[in-house]
């Protein structure tokens, strides 16, 4: 379970989604304006150009960028000092986000580690930098749902 989002091979995710939707190679080639051999190579690619990934996301009606976002949340959260320094800048040219958005998949991933005792609550708080209050809210909420 630990490697769920640790190593991303976007081509495999795309190929899996194509199979789920049972899309024809002809339709994919027409939409992406690529040859079949290029499509087959993309299925093997660990990463793709962002514009191409956007087109795949539209075709397959799935946000493949979210895979990378969730990786950042779990494995590369920004440090508080750096985050606060960037927030203090008034004229940044990049969009500012108020907080991390945890998807159901990430919450389930964390809750599963607690349930199986793979990691302690303190280890999760330190390693993934999830606020203690957030983690305990999840535990309270999902404990009653199960």
Foldseek 3Di string as FASTA:
>chain_A
DVVPLQQAQLLCVLVVLCVVVVDDLVVVCVQLVHDSVVNVVSSRHRDDDPVSLVSSCVVSVHNSVVSVLLNCQAAPDDDPVVLVVVVPDDDDPDDDDPDRDDDPVNLVVVVVCCVVVVDHLVCRCVRNVDDSVVNVVSCVVVVVVD
